[in-house]
Amino acid sequence: MPELKYEVTKELGILSESARGWTKELNYVSWNDRDARLDLREWAPNHERMGKGMTLSQEEARKLRDILNNLAL
């Protein structure tokens, strides 16, 4: 399997932190030298490892924002 290349280009915020020190974060991340996308996942300290997560295009992020804005939280 080829090596996965990533770069956190902009840190937007931390949503939570686990007892083991991993943080659930919203960031812009470039995967394999592609344009950075909005990314939500758990990260080990210093971003040396990551858990499963998801990336969103700008359009997907706008749709998600609209859905969340319509929720009574």
Protein backbone atom coordinates (compact mmCIF):
# COMPACT_ATOMS: atom_id res chain seq x y z
CA MET A 1 0.00 0.00 0.00
CA PRO A 2 1.44 3.42 -0.91
CA GLU A 3 2.37 5.84 1.83
CA LEU A 4 -0.37 8.28 2.82
CA LYS A 5 0.82 11.87 2.59
CA TYR A 6 -0.99 14.63 4.48
CA GLU A 7 -0.52 18.18 5.68
CA VAL A 8 -2.74 20.04 8.12
CA THR A 9 -2.82 23.41 6.37
CA LYS A 10 -5.12 25.23 8.80
CA GLU A 11 -6.33 24.26 12.27
CA LEU A 12 -9.91 25.47 12.78
CA GLY A 13 -10.82 24.09 16.19
CA ILE A 14 -10.92 21.24 18.69
CA LEU A 15 -14.32 19.74 19.45
CA SER A 16 -13.28 17.38 22.26
CA GLU A 17 -10.35 15.55 23.87
CA SER A 18 -10.29 11.92 24.94
CA ALA A 19 -8.76 10.54 28.13
CA ARG A 20 -5.82 9.23 26.07
CA GLY A 21 -5.01 12.71 24.76
CA TRP A 22 -6.42 12.39 21.24
CA THR A 23 -8.45 15.37 20.02
CA LYS A 24 -11.41 15.49 17.65
CA GLU A 25 -10.58 18.39 15.33
CA LEU A 26 -11.93 20.35 12.42
CA ASN A 27 -9.09 21.35 10.08
CA TYR A 28 -8.19 21.95 6.49
CA VAL A 29 -6.03 19.03 5.37
CA SER A 30 -4.25 18.35 2.10
CA TRP A 31 -4.17 14.64 1.28
CA ASN A 32 -1.55 13.31 -1.17
CA ASP A 33 -0.65 16.82 -2.41
CA ARG A 34 -4.25 17.63 -3.42
CA ASP A 35 -6.09 20.84 -2.54
CA ALA A 36 -6.92 21.07 1.16
CA ARG A 37 -10.45 20.06 2.17
CA LEU A 38 -12.41 20.48 5.35
CA ASP A 39 -11.56 17.49 7.52
CA LEU A 40 -13.13 16.15 10.74
CA ARG A 41 -11.31 13.35 12.61
CA GLU A 42 -9.44 12.35 15.77
CA TRP A 43 -5.75 13.15 15.96
CA ALA A 44 -2.99 11.97 18.26
CA PRO A 45 -0.94 14.71 19.91
CA ASN A 46 1.20 16.64 17.38
CA HIS A 47 -0.82 15.13 14.48
CA GLU A 48 1.55 12.16 14.26
CA ARG A 49 -1.34 9.66 13.86
CA MET A 50 -5.00 9.96 12.98
CA GLY A 51 -8.22 8.05 13.35
CA LYS A 52 -10.92 7.52 10.79
CA GLY A 53 -12.62 10.68 9.71
CA MET A 54 -14.26 12.45 6.85
CA THR A 55 -13.42 15.21 4.41
CA LEU A 56 -15.88 17.66 2.92
CA SER A 57 -15.81 19.78 -0.20
CA GLN A 58 -16.87 23.41 0.11
CA GLU A 59 -20.34 22.54 -1.24
CA GLU A 60 -20.72 19.63 1.20
CA ALA A 61 -19.63 21.91 4.06
CA ARG A 62 -22.25 24.50 3.09
CA LYS A 63 -24.98 21.85 3.00
CA LEU A 64 -23.89 20.50 6.39
CA ARG A 65 -23.90 24.05 7.82
CA ASP A 66 -27.45 24.58 6.54
CA ILE A 67 -28.62 21.29 8.05
CA LEU A 68 -27.03 22.11 11.43
CA ASN A 69 -28.49 25.62 11.39
CA ASN A 70 -31.97 24.11 11.07
CA LEU A 71 -31.55 21.85 14.10
CA ALA A 72 -32.86 22.88 17.49
CA LEU A 73 -29.70 22.19 19.48
